[in-house]
Amino acid sequence: MADRYVTVSEETGVAVVTISHPPANALSRAVLDELDRIIADLDQNDAARAVVITGAGKMFAAGADIKEITEIESGKTGERLSARGQAVMNRIERMGKVVIAAVNGLFCLGGGLELAMACHIRIAGDRLRLGLPEITLGIMPGFGGTQRLPQLAGPAKALELILTGDRIKAAEALEIGLVNRVVPDSDVIKQARALAVKIAGMGQVAVRAALTAVLEGRHRPPAQGFELESSLFGALCETADMKEGLKAFLEKRPAKFRNL
């Protein structure tokens, strides 16, 4: 069966994943299911060496589907919805290839911001407003926002945004480290894709190792993080890509990585 809400296009080693669930690209259960399956497929697709996630229309993605939240009948049902959203975000974050959020449009709120934070790099449009407004509904972020926002923006700023539900401009998001770049809205996907193409051209064995070192290392004590880095660095020293990279540098030519 063809996907209804999420589409994929591939070119030059980059897969562009677009959420299209009008009017606000809400992350309903159906959207989460499609996104989860597509990300799982792309993770196993060697031709797609980098991924860009974006939204169709005027919004990257709103939060969870409000209608579905109003239908929650028990704490266990709510817990299952949260766990489902977290599982999809974790799959994105743990992909063995870079995932870039092209955060286009006017708003990136709630679950949409949690989706963007699960990506490794975020390119934001200059008209964007970002926030986690769940507290204004009597709930809290449930798709990983309480864990990822403090890592990106620091605990104090994260608490301020989570406890007030305030929306911030893209420029402030850049200042606090929530996004990597702010560009004209019309250039968001173009610049995200250009960055993805650049990273896709690197040796993917090294890319995977670097992602592992950063993402796993942050959950370990510093000594264990350094140990992980040394182990991965040593493994890379035995790869064909390392030999090609050094040879290309000495010969003053672009490296031709084979991901071996």
C-alpha atoms as a PDB file:
ATOM      1  CA  MET A   1       0.000   0.000   0.000  1.00  0.00           C
ATOM      2  CA  ALA A   2       1.285   3.441  -0.929  1.00  0.00           C
ATOM      3  CA  ASP A   3       1.991   5.822   1.925  1.00  0.00           C
ATOM      4  CA  ARG A   4      -0.636   8.504   2.392  1.00  0.00           C
ATOM      5  CA  TYR A   5       1.103  11.106   4.504  1.00  0.00           C
ATOM      6  CA  VAL A   6       4.849  10.688   4.011  1.00  0.00           C
ATOM      7  CA  THR A   7       6.704  10.689   0.696  1.00  0.00           C
ATOM      8  CA  VAL A   8      10.326  10.024  -0.238  1.00  0.00           C
ATOM      9  CA  SER A   9      12.443  11.226  -3.150  1.00  0.00           C
ATOM     10  CA  GLU A  10      16.053  10.194  -3.703  1.00  0.00           C
ATOM     11  CA  GLU A  11      18.803  11.893  -5.686  1.00  0.00           C
ATOM     12  CA  THR A  12      22.608  12.109  -5.427  1.00  0.00           C
ATOM     13  CA  GLY A  13      22.690   9.848  -2.396  1.00  0.00           C
ATOM     14  CA  VAL A  14      20.174  11.966  -0.440  1.00  0.00           C
ATOM     15  CA  ALA A  15      16.645  10.917   0.508  1.00  0.00           C
ATOM     16  CA  VAL A  16      14.194  13.763   1.113  1.00  0.00           C
ATOM     17  CA  VAL A  17      11.339  12.687   3.400  1.00  0.00           C
ATOM     18  CA  THR A  18       8.312  14.999   3.264  1.00  0.00           C
ATOM     19  CA  ILE A  19       5.415  14.951   5.720  1.00  0.00           C
ATOM     20  CA  SER A  20       2.165  15.976   4.052  1.00  0.00           C
ATOM     21  CA  HIS A  21      -0.779  15.862   6.440  1.00  0.00           C
ATOM     22  CA  PRO A  22      -2.813  19.059   5.899  1.00  0.00           C
ATOM     23  CA  PRO A  23      -3.458  21.481   7.345  1.00  0.00           C
ATOM     24  CA  ALA A  24      -0.699  21.375   9.980  1.00  0.00           C
ATOM     25  CA  ASN A  25       1.232  18.133   9.361  1.00  0.00           C
ATOM     26  CA  ALA A  26       0.132  16.819  12.751  1.00  0.00           C
ATOM     27  CA  LEU A  27       1.978  13.707  13.867  1.00  0.00           C
ATOM     28  CA  SER A  28      -0.990  11.378  14.093  1.00  0.00           C
ATOM     29  CA  ARG A  29      -0.551   7.661  14.754  1.00  0.00           C
ATOM     30  CA  ALA A  30      -0.858   7.043  11.009  1.00  0.00           C
ATOM     31  CA  VAL A  31       1.857   9.611  10.233  1.00  0.00           C
ATOM     32  CA  LEU A  32       4.124   8.155  12.909  1.00  0.00           C
ATOM     33  CA  ASP A  33       3.610   4.644  11.520  1.00  0.00           C
ATOM     34  CA  GLU A  34       4.501   5.724   7.982  1.00  0.00           C
ATOM     35  CA  LEU A  35       7.478   7.753   9.136  1.00  0.00           C
ATOM     36  CA  ASP A  36       8.733   4.867  11.251  1.00  0.00           C
ATOM     37  CA  ARG A  37       8.552   2.398   8.369  1.00  0.00           C
ATOM     38  CA  ILE A  38      10.189   4.785   5.902  1.00  0.00           C
ATOM     39  CA  ILE A  39      13.061   5.597   8.263  1.00  0.00           C
ATOM     40  CA  ALA A  40      13.596   1.881   8.910  1.00  0.00           C
ATOM     41  CA  ASP A  41      13.731   1.247   5.150  1.00  0.00           C
ATOM     42  CA  LEU A  42      16.140   4.129   4.542  1.00  0.00           C
ATOM     43  CA  ASP A  43      18.409   2.911   7.321  1.00  0.00           C
ATOM     44  CA  GLN A  44      18.928  -0.278   5.304  1.00  0.00           C
ATOM     45  CA  ASN A  45      19.186   1.516   1.945  1.00  0.00           C
ATOM     46  CA  ASP A  46      22.886   1.935   1.143  1.00  0.00           C
ATOM     47  CA  ALA A  47      22.080   4.206  -1.816  1.00  0.00           C
ATOM     48  CA  ALA A  48      20.612   6.801   0.573  1.00  0.00           C
ATOM     49  CA  ARG A  49      23.686   8.054   2.408  1.00  0.00           C
ATOM     50  CA  ALA A  50      21.971  11.057   4.039  1.00  0.00           C
ATOM     51  CA  VAL A  51      18.381  11.989   4.866  1.00  0.00           C
ATOM     52  CA  VAL A  52      16.494  15.304   4.908  1.00  0.00           C
ATOM     53  CA  ILE A  53      13.141  15.538   6.717  1.00  0.00           C
ATOM     54  CA  THR A  54      10.792  18.409   5.911  1.00  0.00           C
ATOM     55  CA  GLY A  55       7.126  19.338   5.810  1.00  0.00           C
ATOM     56  CA  ALA A  56       4.795  20.204   2.951  1.00  0.00           C
ATOM     57  CA  GLY A  57       2.891  23.485   2.985  1.00  0.00           C
ATOM     58  CA  LYS A  58       3.300  26.279   5.547  1.00  0.00           C
ATOM     59  CA  MET A  59       4.368  24.182   8.530  1.00  0.00           C
ATOM     60  CA  PHE A  60       7.191  21.743   9.194  1.00  0.00           C
ATOM     61  CA  ALA A  61       5.048  19.778  11.625  1.00  0.00           C
ATOM     62  CA  ALA A  62       2.635  20.510  14.424  1.00  0.00           C
ATOM     63  CA  GLY A  63       2.553  18.351  17.500  1.00  0.00           C
ATOM     64  CA  ALA A  64       0.700  15.133  18.107  1.00  0.00           C
ATOM     65  CA  ASP A  65      -2.815  14.963  16.706  1.00  0.00           C
ATOM     66  CA  ILE A  66      -5.014  16.898  19.186  1.00  0.00           C
ATOM     67  CA  LYS A  67      -8.078  14.831  18.280  1.00  0.00           C
ATOM     68  CA  GLU A  68      -6.235  11.653  19.180  1.00  0.00           C
ATOM     69  CA  ILE A  69      -5.092  13.183  22.483  1.00  0.00           C
ATOM     70  CA  THR A  70      -8.684  14.104  23.408  1.00  0.00           C
ATOM     71  CA  GLU A  71      -9.625  10.450  22.874  1.00  0.00           C
ATOM     72  CA  ILE A  72      -7.115   9.188  25.458  1.00  0.00           C
ATOM     73  CA  GLU A  73      -9.128   7.293  28.055  1.00  0.00           C
ATOM     74  CA  SER A  74      -6.479   6.305  30.585  1.00  0.00           C
ATOM     75  CA  GLY A  75      -2.955   6.942  31.767  1.00  0.00           C
ATOM     76  CA  LYS A  76      -1.829   3.692  30.144  1.00  0.00           C
ATOM     77  CA  THR A  77      -3.213   4.808  26.785  1.00  0.00           C
ATOM     78  CA  GLY A  78      -1.366   8.110  27.095  1.00  0.00           C
ATOM     79  CA  GLU A  79       1.813   6.299  28.085  1.00  0.00           C
ATOM     80  CA  ARG A  80       1.586   4.081  25.003  1.00  0.00           C
ATOM     81  CA  LEU A  81       1.128   7.117  22.732  1.00  0.00           C
ATOM     82  CA  SER A  82       4.180   8.796  24.266  1.00  0.00           C
ATOM     83  CA  ALA A  83       6.258   5.629  23.974  1.00  0.00           C
ATOM     84  CA  ARG A  84       5.233   5.226  20.337  1.00  0.00           C
ATOM     85  CA  GLY A  85       6.321   8.764  19.490  1.00  0.00           C
ATOM     86  CA  GLN A  86       9.580   8.324  21.386  1.00  0.00           C
ATOM     87  CA  ALA A  87      10.326   5.097  19.514  1.00  0.00           C
ATOM     88  CA  VAL A  88      10.012   6.846  16.141  1.00  0.00           C
ATOM     89  CA  MET A  89      12.199   9.760  17.252  1.00  0.00           C
ATOM     90  CA  ASN A  90      14.790   7.369  18.662  1.00  0.00           C
ATOM     91  CA  ARG A  91      14.899   5.451  15.383  1.00  0.00           C
ATOM     92  CA  ILE A  92      15.640   8.698  13.548  1.00  0.00           C
ATOM     93  CA  GLU A  93      18.342   9.741  16.002  1.00  0.00           C
ATOM     94  CA  ARG A  94      20.002   6.307  15.934  1.00  0.00           C
ATOM     95  CA  MET A  95      20.175   5.963  12.158  1.00  0.00           C
ATOM     96  CA  GLY A  96      23.615   5.073  10.884  1.00  0.00           C
ATOM     97  CA  LYS A  97      23.556   8.077   8.558  1.00  0.00           C
ATOM     98  CA  VAL A  98      23.064  11.789   9.059  1.00  0.00           C
ATOM     99  CA  VAL A  99      19.495  13.138   9.274  1.00  0.00           C
ATOM    100  CA  ILE A 100      18.945  16.855   8.652  1.00  0.00           C
ATOM    101  CA  ALA A 101      15.715  18.652   9.557  1.00  0.00           C
ATOM    102  CA  ALA A 102      14.750  21.248   6.950  1.00  0.00           C
ATOM    103  CA  VAL A 103      12.483  23.202   9.290  1.00  0.00           C
ATOM    104  CA  ASN A 104      10.446  25.220   6.840  1.00  0.00           C
ATOM    105  CA  GLY A 105       7.274  27.236   7.136  1.00  0.00           C
ATOM    106  CA  LEU A 106       5.861  29.344   9.929  1.00  0.00           C
ATOM    107  CA  PHE A 107       5.696  26.986  12.895  1.00  0.00           C
ATOM    108  CA  CYS A 108       7.551  24.060  14.446  1.00  0.00           C
ATOM    109  CA  LEU A 109       5.665  23.196  17.615  1.00  0.00           C
ATOM    110  CA  GLY A 110       5.218  20.369  20.083  1.00  0.00           C
ATOM    111  CA  GLY A 111       5.857  17.022  18.463  1.00  0.00           C
ATOM    112  CA  GLY A 112       7.125  18.812  15.375  1.00  0.00           C
ATOM    113  CA  LEU A 113       9.940  20.363  17.392  1.00  0.00           C
ATOM    114  CA  GLU A 114      10.571  16.994  19.040  1.00  0.00           C
ATOM    115  CA  LEU A 115      10.924  15.521  15.552  1.00  0.00           C
ATOM    116  CA  ALA A 116      13.371  18.261  14.542  1.00  0.00           C
ATOM    117  CA  MET A 117      15.399  17.718  17.722  1.00  0.00           C
ATOM    118  CA  ALA A 118      15.655  13.993  16.979  1.00  0.00           C
ATOM    119  CA  CYS A 119      17.431  14.886  13.731  1.00  0.00           C
ATOM    120  CA  HIS A 120      21.187  15.424  13.924  1.00  0.00           C
ATOM    121  CA  ILE A 121      21.264  18.874  12.282  1.00  0.00           C
ATOM    122  CA  ARG A 122      18.544  21.547  11.970  1.00  0.00           C
ATOM    123  CA  ILE A 123      18.260  24.212   9.238  1.00  0.00           C
ATOM    124  CA  ALA A 124      15.516  26.736  10.079  1.00  0.00           C
ATOM    125  CA  GLY A 125      13.658  29.283   8.007  1.00  0.00           C
ATOM    126  CA  ASP A 126      13.879  32.909   9.109  1.00  0.00           C
ATOM    127  CA  ARG A 127      10.122  33.268   9.625  1.00  0.00           C
ATOM    128  CA  LEU A 128       9.902  30.247  11.906  1.00  0.00           C
ATOM    129  CA  ARG A 129       8.446  30.159  15.417  1.00  0.00           C
ATOM    130  CA  LEU A 130       9.437  27.198  17.591  1.00  0.00           C
ATOM    131  CA  GLY A 131       8.104  25.947  20.898  1.00  0.00           C
ATOM    132  CA  LEU A 132       6.790  23.188  23.126  1.00  0.00           C
ATOM    133  CA  PRO A 133       3.306  24.461  24.055  1.00  0.00           C
ATOM    134  CA  GLU A 134       2.051  21.254  25.678  1.00  0.00           C
ATOM    135  CA  ILE A 135       1.972  22.824  29.170  1.00  0.00           C
ATOM    136  CA  THR A 136      -0.812  25.178  27.990  1.00  0.00           C
ATOM    137  CA  LEU A 137      -2.944  22.085  27.336  1.00  0.00           C
ATOM    138  CA  GLY A 138      -2.347  20.667  30.795  1.00  0.00           C
ATOM    139  CA  ILE A 139       0.170  18.108  29.594  1.00  0.00           C
ATOM    140  CA  MET A 140       3.905  18.033  28.841  1.00  0.00           C
ATOM    141  CA  PRO A 141       6.131  17.043  25.920  1.00  0.00           C
ATOM    142  CA  GLY A 142       5.940  13.296  25.409  1.00  0.00           C
ATOM    143  CA  PHE A 143       7.970  12.486  22.292  1.00  0.00           C
ATOM    144  CA  GLY A 144      11.381  13.122  23.869  1.00  0.00           C
ATOM    145  CA  GLY A 145      11.282  16.902  24.257  1.00  0.00           C
ATOM    146  CA  THR A 146      12.046  16.957  27.979  1.00  0.00           C
ATOM    147  CA  GLN A 147      15.240  14.994  27.311  1.00  0.00           C
ATOM    148  CA  ARG A 148      16.569  16.476  24.062  1.00  0.00           C
ATOM    149  CA  LEU A 149      15.868  20.187  24.624  1.00  0.00           C
ATOM    150  CA  PRO A 150      18.088  20.391  27.743  1.00  0.00           C
ATOM    151  CA  GLN A 151      20.905  18.719  25.799  1.00  0.00           C
ATOM    152  CA  LEU A 152      20.650  21.303  23.027  1.00  0.00           C
ATOM    153  CA  ALA A 153      19.737  24.525  24.855  1.00  0.00           C
ATOM    154  CA  GLY A 154      20.791  23.797  28.445  1.00  0.00           C
ATOM    155  CA  PRO A 155      18.544  22.834  31.396  1.00  0.00           C
ATOM    156  CA  ALA A 156      17.575  26.355  32.471  1.00  0.00           C
ATOM    157  CA  LYS A 157      16.419  27.545  29.038  1.00  0.00           C
ATOM    158  CA  ALA A 158      14.743  24.211  28.381  1.00  0.00           C
ATOM    159  CA  LEU A 159      12.746  24.491  31.595  1.00  0.00           C
ATOM    160  CA  GLU A 160      11.734  28.039  30.733  1.00  0.00           C
ATOM    161  CA  LEU A 161      10.407  26.999  27.333  1.00  0.00           C
ATOM    162  CA  ILE A 162       8.749  23.808  28.580  1.00  0.00           C
ATOM    163  CA  LEU A 163       7.098  25.411  31.639  1.00  0.00           C
ATOM    164  CA  THR A 164       5.805  28.516  29.830  1.00  0.00           C
ATOM    165  CA  GLY A 165       4.965  27.015  26.448  1.00  0.00           C
ATOM    166  CA  ASP A 166       6.442  30.158  24.872  1.00  0.00           C
ATOM    167  CA  ARG A 167       7.306  30.268  21.189  1.00  0.00           C
ATOM    168  CA  ILE A 168      10.644  31.717  20.139  1.00  0.00           C
ATOM    169  CA  LYS A 169      11.876  33.136  16.860  1.00  0.00           C
ATOM    170  CA  ALA A 170      14.385  31.337  14.680  1.00  0.00           C
ATOM    171  CA  ALA A 171      17.079  33.888  15.564  1.00  0.00           C
ATOM    172  CA  GLU A 172      16.768  33.081  19.263  1.00  0.00           C
ATOM    173  CA  ALA A 173      16.718  29.362  18.506  1.00  0.00           C
ATOM    174  CA  LEU A 174      20.066  29.858  16.780  1.00  0.00           C
ATOM    175  CA  GLU A 175      21.463  31.762  19.755  1.00  0.00           C
ATOM    176  CA  ILE A 176      20.611  29.008  22.242  1.00  0.00           C
ATOM    177  CA  GLY A 177      21.873  26.192  20.010  1.00  0.00           C
ATOM    178  CA  LEU A 178      18.490  24.739  19.148  1.00  0.00           C
ATOM    179  CA  VAL A 179      19.119  25.101  15.404  1.00  0.00           C
ATOM    180  CA  ASN A 180      22.353  25.079  13.405  1.00  0.00           C
ATOM    181  CA  ARG A 181      21.512  27.699  10.793  1.00  0.00           C
ATOM    182  CA  VAL A 182      18.821  30.249   9.983  1.00  0.00           C
ATOM    183  CA  VAL A 183      18.291  30.932   6.280  1.00  0.00           C
ATOM    184  CA  PRO A 184      15.577  32.538   4.136  1.00  0.00           C
ATOM    185  CA  ASP A 185      12.531  30.293   4.244  1.00  0.00           C
ATOM    186  CA  SER A 186      12.658  29.787   0.481  1.00  0.00           C
ATOM    187  CA  ASP A 187      16.188  28.346   0.818  1.00  0.00           C
ATOM    188  CA  VAL A 188      15.633  25.937   3.704  1.00  0.00           C
ATOM    189  CA  ILE A 189      15.257  22.726   1.724  1.00  0.00           C
ATOM    190  CA  LYS A 190      17.912  23.761  -0.803  1.00  0.00           C
ATOM    191  CA  GLN A 191      20.504  24.421   1.895  1.00  0.00           C
ATOM    192  CA  ALA A 192      19.574  21.338   3.908  1.00  0.00           C
ATOM    193  CA  ARG A 193      19.930  19.215   0.802  1.00  0.00           C
ATOM    194  CA  ALA A 194      23.263  20.813  -0.123  1.00  0.00           C
ATOM    195  CA  LEU A 195      24.605  20.015   3.343  1.00  0.00           C
ATOM    196  CA  ALA A 196      23.273  16.466   3.056  1.00  0.00           C
ATOM    197  CA  VAL A 197      25.004  16.026  -0.320  1.00  0.00           C
ATOM    198  CA  LYS A 198      28.280  17.210   1.204  1.00  0.00           C
ATOM    199  CA  ILE A 199      28.067  14.748   4.086  1.00  0.00           C
ATOM    200  CA  ALA A 200      26.890  11.976   1.747  1.00  0.00           C
ATOM    201  CA  GLY A 201      30.158  12.431  -0.132  1.00  0.00           C
ATOM    202  CA  MET A 202      32.212  11.549   2.930  1.00  0.00           C
ATOM    203  CA  GLY A 203      33.212   7.994   3.802  1.00  0.00           C
ATOM    204  CA  GLN A 204      30.114   6.579   5.404  1.00  0.00           C
ATOM    205  CA  VAL A 205      32.042   4.230   7.681  1.00  0.00           C
ATOM    206  CA  ALA A 206      33.607   7.287   9.304  1.00  0.00           C
ATOM    207  CA  VAL A 207      30.267   9.128   9.366  1.00  0.00           C
ATOM    208  CA  ARG A 208      28.618   6.234  11.202  1.00  0.00           C
ATOM    209  CA  ALA A 209      31.487   6.046  13.668  1.00  0.00           C
ATOM    210  CA  ALA A 210      31.363   9.787  14.376  1.00  0.00           C
ATOM    211  CA  LEU A 211      27.592   9.660  14.914  1.00  0.00           C
ATOM    212  CA  THR A 212      28.039   6.758  17.320  1.00  0.00           C
ATOM    213  CA  ALA A 213      30.796   8.538  19.242  1.00  0.00           C
ATOM    214  CA  VAL A 214      28.719  11.693  19.726  1.00  0.00           C
ATOM    215  CA  LEU A 215      25.305  10.138  20.375  1.00  0.00           C
ATOM    216  CA  GLU A 216      26.403   7.261  22.589  1.00  0.00           C
ATOM    217  CA  GLY A 217      29.239   9.151  24.234  1.00  0.00           C
ATOM    218  CA  ARG A 218      26.949  11.810  25.677  1.00  0.00           C
ATOM    219  CA  HIS A 219      25.198   9.160  27.794  1.00  0.00           C
ATOM    220  CA  ARG A 220      28.459   7.860  29.285  1.00  0.00           C
ATOM    221  CA  PRO A 221      30.843   9.222  31.901  1.00  0.00           C
ATOM    222  CA  PRO A 222      33.640  11.244  30.223  1.00  0.00           C
ATOM    223  CA  ALA A 223      36.244   8.501  30.620  1.00  0.00           C
ATOM    224  CA  GLN A 224      33.986   5.986  28.885  1.00  0.00           C
ATOM    225  CA  GLY A 225      33.205   8.485  26.142  1.00  0.00           C
ATOM    226  CA  PHE A 226      36.911   8.957  25.424  1.00  0.00           C
ATOM    227  CA  GLU A 227      37.361   5.180  25.449  1.00  0.00           C
ATOM    228  CA  LEU A 228      34.566   4.798  22.906  1.00  0.00           C
ATOM    229  CA  GLU A 229      36.152   7.460  20.701  1.00  0.00           C
ATOM    230  CA  SER A 230      39.544   5.710  20.795  1.00  0.00           C
ATOM    231  CA  SER A 231      37.980   2.360  19.958  1.00  0.00           C
ATOM    232  CA  LEU A 232      36.105   3.749  16.964  1.00  0.00           C
ATOM    233  CA  PHE A 233      39.137   5.738  15.794  1.00  0.00           C
ATOM    234  CA  GLY A 234      41.238   2.579  15.924  1.00  0.00           C
ATOM    235  CA  ALA A 235      38.669   0.633  13.909  1.00  0.00           C
ATOM    236  CA  LEU A 236      38.658   3.350  11.237  1.00  0.00           C
ATOM    237  CA  CYS A 237      42.441   3.109  10.931  1.00  0.00           C
ATOM    238  CA  GLU A 238      41.976  -0.356   9.433  1.00  0.00           C
ATOM    239  CA  THR A 239      39.529   0.726   6.718  1.00  0.00           C
ATOM    240  CA  ALA A 240      40.127   1.157   3.008  1.00  0.00           C
ATOM    241  CA  ASP A 241      38.478   4.577   3.235  1.00  0.00           C
ATOM    242  CA  MET A 242      41.122   5.783   5.687  1.00  0.00           C
ATOM    243  CA  LYS A 243      43.898   4.692   3.336  1.00  0.00           C
ATOM    244  CA  GLU A 244      42.158   6.361   0.401  1.00  0.00           C
ATOM    245  CA  GLY A 245      41.567   9.579   2.374  1.00  0.00           C
ATOM    246  CA  LEU A 246      45.218   9.906   3.327  1.00  0.00           C
ATOM    247  CA  LYS A 247      46.426   9.030  -0.157  1.00  0.00           C
ATOM    248  CA  ALA A 248      44.071  11.572  -1.718  1.00  0.00           C
ATOM    249  CA  PHE A 249      45.288  14.249   0.699  1.00  0.00           C
ATOM    250  CA  LEU A 250      48.946  13.597  -0.163  1.00  0.00           C
ATOM    251  CA  GLU A 251      48.147  13.547  -3.885  1.00  0.00           C
ATOM    252  CA  LYS A 252      46.105  16.765  -3.554  1.00  0.00           C
ATOM    253  CA  ARG A 253      42.939  15.308  -5.084  1.00  0.00           C
ATOM    254  CA  PRO A 254      39.385  14.599  -3.861  1.00  0.00           C
ATOM    255  CA  ALA A 255      39.051  11.286  -2.080  1.00  0.00           C
ATOM    256  CA  LYS A 256      37.019   8.544  -3.704  1.00  0.00           C
ATOM    257  CA  PHE A 257      35.512   6.755  -0.734  1.00  0.00           C
ATOM    258  CA  ARG A 258      34.039   3.284  -1.231  1.00  0.00           C
ATOM    259  CA  ASN A 259      32.546   3.009   2.263  1.00  0.00           C
ATOM    260  CA  LEU A 260      34.856   0.123   3.111  1.00  0.00           C
END
